[in-house]
Amino acid sequence: MAQWSIVIWELDGQVQFTPRNLNVSAGDQVSWSNQTGKEHTIAILAEVMRPKHVSAAAGRLSNPAYEIPSSIRYSCRDDDLGAWGTIPPMPLMDWD
């Protein structure tokens, strides 16, 4: 299980994610590193569950990390401009 981090930052008052799209394996963990001066709440939308919210305080890493169950789309609930990103797990390799 790998651990990944997505940086939350602002450009001209607009929330940005870097990387915006991240390819991971199912079961990997992702945290959001908030590099802004205010708290952000990340809304996680997955096919297998209701929306989940992860908070990242100003200048802090979201805790606990979010375990990726399947392909998800995420957005910043606090941003009216709709900053978003996707995390599609990489397909498993079949070696047979």
N, C-alpha and C. Protein backbone atom coordinates (compact mmCIF):
# COMPACT_ATOMS: atom_id res chain seq x y z
N MET A 1 0.84 -1.17 0.00
CA MET A 1 0.00 0.00 0.00
C MET A 1 0.90 1.24 0.00
N ALA A 2 0.72 2.08 -0.98
CA ALA A 2 1.50 3.31 -1.10
C ALA A 2 0.74 4.48 -0.48
N GLN A 3 1.47 5.53 -0.12
CA GLN A 3 0.86 6.75 0.41
C GLN A 3 1.16 7.90 -0.55
N TRP A 4 0.14 8.70 -0.83
CA TRP A 4 0.24 9.80 -1.78
C TRP A 4 -0.25 11.09 -1.11
N SER A 5 0.17 12.22 -1.64
CA SER A 5 -0.28 13.51 -1.12
C SER A 5 -0.66 14.43 -2.27
N ILE A 6 -1.77 15.13 -2.10
CA ILE A 6 -2.23 16.12 -3.06
C ILE A 6 -2.14 17.48 -2.36
N VAL A 7 -1.48 18.44 -2.99
CA VAL A 7 -1.30 19.76 -2.40
C VAL A 7 -2.49 20.65 -2.74
N ILE A 8 -3.03 21.34 -1.72
CA ILE A 8 -4.08 22.33 -1.90
C ILE A 8 -3.38 23.70 -1.83
N TRP A 9 -3.58 24.53 -2.85
CA TRP A 9 -2.97 25.86 -2.86
C TRP A 9 -3.91 26.82 -3.56
N GLU A 10 -3.58 28.10 -3.52
CA GLU A 10 -4.43 29.11 -4.14
C GLU A 10 -3.64 29.92 -5.16
N LEU A 11 -4.33 30.30 -6.22
CA LEU A 11 -3.77 31.18 -7.24
C LEU A 11 -4.83 32.24 -7.52
N ASP A 12 -4.50 33.47 -7.22
CA ASP A 12 -5.45 34.59 -7.41
C ASP A 12 -6.78 34.30 -6.72
N GLY A 13 -6.73 33.73 -5.51
CA GLY A 13 -7.93 33.46 -4.72
C GLY A 13 -8.69 32.21 -5.11
N GLN A 14 -8.20 31.45 -6.10
CA GLN A 14 -8.88 30.23 -6.53
C GLN A 14 -8.13 29.01 -6.01
N VAL A 15 -8.86 28.07 -5.43
CA VAL A 15 -8.27 26.84 -4.91
C VAL A 15 -7.81 25.96 -6.07
N GLN A 16 -6.62 25.38 -5.92
CA GLN A 16 -6.03 24.49 -6.92
C GLN A 16 -5.59 23.20 -6.22
N PHE A 17 -5.53 22.10 -6.97
CA PHE A 17 -4.98 20.84 -6.48
C PHE A 17 -3.80 20.44 -7.36
N THR A 18 -2.72 19.98 -6.74
CA THR A 18 -1.57 19.48 -7.50
C THR A 18 -1.11 18.16 -6.88
N PRO A 19 -1.10 17.06 -7.63
CA PRO A 19 -1.64 16.98 -8.98
C PRO A 19 -3.16 16.98 -8.96
N ARG A 20 -3.75 17.42 -10.03
CA ARG A 20 -5.22 17.44 -10.13
C ARG A 20 -5.74 16.02 -10.32
N ASN A 21 -5.04 15.25 -11.09
CA ASN A 21 -5.41 13.85 -11.32
C ASN A 21 -4.25 12.98 -10.87
N LEU A 22 -4.55 11.90 -10.19
CA LEU A 22 -3.54 11.04 -9.60
C LEU A 22 -3.92 9.59 -9.85
N ASN A 23 -3.02 8.81 -10.41
CA ASN A 23 -3.26 7.38 -10.63
C ASN A 23 -2.65 6.59 -9.48
N VAL A 24 -3.47 5.82 -8.80
CA VAL A 24 -3.03 5.03 -7.65
C VAL A 24 -3.58 3.62 -7.78
N SER A 25 -3.22 2.76 -6.85
CA SER A 25 -3.78 1.41 -6.78
C SER A 25 -4.86 1.39 -5.71
N ALA A 26 -5.91 0.58 -5.92
CA ALA A 26 -6.93 0.42 -4.90
C ALA A 26 -6.25 -0.01 -3.61
N GLY A 27 -6.62 0.62 -2.51
CA GLY A 27 -6.01 0.33 -1.23
C GLY A 27 -4.92 1.33 -0.84
N ASP A 28 -4.42 2.10 -1.82
CA ASP A 28 -3.44 3.15 -1.50
C ASP A 28 -4.12 4.22 -0.65
N GLN A 29 -3.31 4.99 0.06
CA GLN A 29 -3.84 6.06 0.90
C GLN A 29 -3.44 7.42 0.35
N VAL A 30 -4.38 8.36 0.42
CA VAL A 30 -4.15 9.72 -0.07
C VAL A 30 -4.46 10.71 1.04
N SER A 31 -3.59 11.70 1.18
CA SER A 31 -3.82 12.82 2.08
C SER A 31 -3.80 14.10 1.26
N TRP A 32 -4.42 15.15 1.80
CA TRP A 32 -4.40 16.45 1.16
C TRP A 32 -3.57 17.38 2.03
N SER A 33 -2.55 18.00 1.44
CA SER A 33 -1.65 18.90 2.14
C SER A 33 -2.09 20.34 1.87
N ASN A 34 -2.69 20.96 2.87
CA ASN A 34 -3.26 22.29 2.70
C ASN A 34 -2.19 23.35 2.88
N GLN A 35 -1.81 24.00 1.80
CA GLN A 35 -0.78 25.05 1.82
C GLN A 35 -1.40 26.45 1.79
N THR A 36 -2.68 26.56 2.15
CA THR A 36 -3.36 27.85 2.16
C THR A 36 -3.49 28.35 3.60
N GLY A 37 -4.05 29.52 3.75
CA GLY A 37 -4.22 30.11 5.07
C GLY A 37 -5.57 29.83 5.70
N LYS A 38 -6.38 28.95 5.10
CA LYS A 38 -7.68 28.62 5.70
C LYS A 38 -7.97 27.14 5.56
N GLU A 39 -8.85 26.64 6.42
CA GLU A 39 -9.24 25.23 6.38
C GLU A 39 -10.03 24.94 5.11
N HIS A 40 -9.82 23.75 4.55
CA HIS A 40 -10.59 23.30 3.39
C HIS A 40 -11.17 21.92 3.70
N THR A 41 -12.39 21.71 3.24
CA THR A 41 -13.05 20.42 3.38
C THR A 41 -13.14 19.79 2.00
N ILE A 42 -12.58 18.59 1.88
CA ILE A 42 -12.58 17.87 0.61
C ILE A 42 -13.78 16.93 0.58
N ALA A 43 -14.61 17.06 -0.44
CA ALA A 43 -15.76 16.16 -0.63
C ALA A 43 -15.30 15.06 -1.58
N ILE A 44 -15.37 13.82 -1.13
CA ILE A 44 -14.94 12.67 -1.92
C ILE A 44 -16.17 11.94 -2.44
N LEU A 45 -16.26 11.80 -3.75
CA LEU A 45 -17.38 11.12 -4.38
C LEU A 45 -16.86 9.84 -5.01
N ALA A 46 -17.35 8.71 -4.54
CA ALA A 46 -16.93 7.41 -5.06
C ALA A 46 -18.15 6.62 -5.48
N GLU A 47 -17.95 5.70 -6.38
CA GLU A 47 -19.07 4.87 -6.85
C GLU A 47 -19.60 3.97 -5.74
N VAL A 48 -18.76 3.60 -4.79
CA VAL A 48 -19.14 2.58 -3.81
C VAL A 48 -19.61 3.16 -2.48
N MET A 49 -19.70 4.47 -2.37
CA MET A 49 -20.08 5.03 -1.08
C MET A 49 -20.73 6.39 -1.24
N ARG A 50 -21.39 6.86 -0.18
CA ARG A 50 -21.90 8.22 -0.16
C ARG A 50 -20.74 9.19 -0.05
N PRO A 51 -20.98 10.47 -0.36
CA PRO A 51 -19.88 11.44 -0.23
C PRO A 51 -19.28 11.41 1.17
N LYS A 52 -17.97 11.47 1.20
CA LYS A 52 -17.23 11.52 2.46
C LYS A 52 -16.50 12.84 2.48
N HIS A 53 -16.36 13.41 3.66
CA HIS A 53 -15.68 14.70 3.79
C HIS A 53 -14.43 14.54 4.62
N VAL A 54 -13.34 15.10 4.11
CA VAL A 54 -12.04 15.07 4.78
C VAL A 54 -11.62 16.52 4.98
N SER A 55 -11.27 16.88 6.21
CA SER A 55 -10.85 18.26 6.49
C SER A 55 -9.33 18.36 6.53
N ALA A 56 -8.82 19.48 6.03
CA ALA A 56 -7.40 19.79 6.10
C ALA A 56 -7.28 21.21 6.66
N ALA A 57 -6.78 21.33 7.89
CA ALA A 57 -6.62 22.64 8.51
C ALA A 57 -5.57 23.45 7.75
N ALA A 58 -5.61 24.77 7.90
CA ALA A 58 -4.66 25.65 7.24
C ALA A 58 -3.24 25.23 7.57
N GLY A 59 -2.42 25.04 6.53
CA GLY A 59 -1.02 24.67 6.71
C GLY A 59 -0.78 23.26 7.21
N ARG A 60 -1.80 22.40 7.18
CA ARG A 60 -1.68 21.05 7.73
C ARG A 60 -2.04 19.98 6.69
N LEU A 61 -1.72 18.74 7.03
CA LEU A 61 -2.06 17.57 6.23
C LEU A 61 -3.36 16.98 6.75
N SER A 62 -4.26 16.56 5.84
CA SER A 62 -5.49 15.92 6.29
C SER A 62 -5.13 14.65 7.05
N ASN A 63 -5.87 14.36 8.10
CA ASN A 63 -5.57 13.21 8.93
C ASN A 63 -6.88 12.65 9.47
N PRO A 64 -7.18 11.37 9.31
CA PRO A 64 -6.30 10.34 8.75
C PRO A 64 -6.31 10.39 7.22
N ALA A 65 -5.38 9.66 6.63
CA ALA A 65 -5.34 9.53 5.17
C ALA A 65 -6.58 8.78 4.71
N TYR A 66 -6.99 9.01 3.47
CA TYR A 66 -8.16 8.36 2.89
C TYR A 66 -7.72 7.17 2.05
N GLU A 67 -8.27 5.99 2.35
CA GLU A 67 -7.93 4.79 1.58
C GLU A 67 -8.80 4.72 0.34
N ILE A 68 -8.17 4.61 -0.83
CA ILE A 68 -8.88 4.63 -2.11
C ILE A 68 -9.52 3.26 -2.37
N PRO A 69 -10.87 3.20 -2.40
CA PRO A 69 -11.54 1.92 -2.65
C PRO A 69 -11.73 1.64 -4.14
N SER A 70 -11.91 2.71 -4.91
CA SER A 70 -12.19 2.60 -6.35
C SER A 70 -11.95 3.98 -6.95
N SER A 71 -12.32 4.17 -8.16
CA SER A 71 -12.17 5.47 -8.80
C SER A 71 -13.00 6.50 -8.06
N ILE A 72 -12.39 7.65 -7.77
CA ILE A 72 -13.13 8.70 -7.08
C ILE A 72 -12.93 10.04 -7.79
N ARG A 73 -13.84 10.92 -7.52
CA ARG A 73 -13.72 12.33 -7.91
C ARG A 73 -13.79 13.11 -6.60
N TYR A 74 -13.01 14.15 -6.47
CA TYR A 74 -13.04 14.94 -5.25
C TYR A 74 -13.12 16.42 -5.60
N SER A 75 -13.63 17.20 -4.67
CA SER A 75 -13.74 18.64 -4.88
C SER A 75 -13.59 19.35 -3.55
N CYS A 76 -13.37 20.64 -3.61
CA CYS A 76 -13.28 21.45 -2.40
C CYS A 76 -14.67 21.99 -2.10
N ARG A 77 -15.24 21.57 -0.99
CA ARG A 77 -16.59 22.02 -0.61
C ARG A 77 -16.62 23.51 -0.32
N ASP A 78 -15.49 24.10 0.07
CA ASP A 78 -15.44 25.50 0.49
C ASP A 78 -15.22 26.45 -0.67
N ASP A 79 -15.05 25.93 -1.86
CA ASP A 79 -14.70 26.75 -3.02
C ASP A 79 -15.88 26.86 -3.96
N ASP A 80 -16.42 28.06 -4.12
CA ASP A 80 -17.57 28.26 -5.01
C ASP A 80 -17.22 28.04 -6.47
N LEU A 81 -15.93 28.08 -6.79
CA LEU A 81 -15.52 27.94 -8.19
C LEU A 81 -15.37 26.49 -8.61
N GLY A 82 -15.51 25.57 -7.66
CA GLY A 82 -15.55 24.16 -8.02
C GLY A 82 -14.23 23.51 -8.35
N ALA A 83 -13.17 23.78 -7.58
CA ALA A 83 -11.91 23.06 -7.80
C ALA A 83 -12.17 21.57 -7.60
N TRP A 84 -11.64 20.74 -8.48
CA TRP A 84 -11.89 19.30 -8.39
C TRP A 84 -10.70 18.54 -8.97
N GLY A 85 -10.71 17.22 -8.76
CA GLY A 85 -9.71 16.33 -9.32
C GLY A 85 -10.24 14.91 -9.33
N THR A 86 -9.48 13.99 -9.90
CA THR A 86 -9.89 12.58 -9.95
C THR A 86 -8.73 11.69 -9.52
N ILE A 87 -9.10 10.54 -8.98
CA ILE A 87 -8.12 9.52 -8.60
C ILE A 87 -8.64 8.19 -9.13
N PRO A 88 -8.19 7.79 -10.33
CA PRO A 88 -8.58 6.46 -10.83
C PRO A 88 -7.50 5.43 -10.47
N PRO A 89 -7.85 4.37 -9.78
CA PRO A 89 -6.84 3.34 -9.52
C PRO A 89 -6.34 2.74 -10.82
N MET A 90 -5.07 2.40 -10.83
CA MET A 90 -4.48 1.74 -12.01
C MET A 90 -5.02 0.31 -12.07
N PRO A 91 -5.25 -0.22 -13.26
CA PRO A 91 -5.74 -1.60 -13.35
C PRO A 91 -4.68 -2.57 -12.86
N LEU A 92 -5.16 -3.64 -12.26
CA LEU A 92 -4.24 -4.69 -11.82
C LEU A 92 -3.69 -5.43 -13.03
N MET A 93 -2.45 -5.80 -12.98
CA MET A 93 -1.82 -6.53 -14.08
C MET A 93 -2.13 -8.02 -13.95
N ASP A 94 -2.50 -8.65 -15.03
CA ASP A 94 -2.74 -10.08 -15.04
C ASP A 94 -1.53 -10.75 -15.68
N TRP A 95 -0.77 -11.47 -14.91
CA TRP A 95 0.49 -12.05 -15.40
C TRP A 95 0.32 -13.46 -15.96
N ASP A 96 -0.93 -13.94 -16.06
CA ASP A 96 -1.17 -15.30 -16.60
C ASP A 96 -1.15 -15.30 -18.11
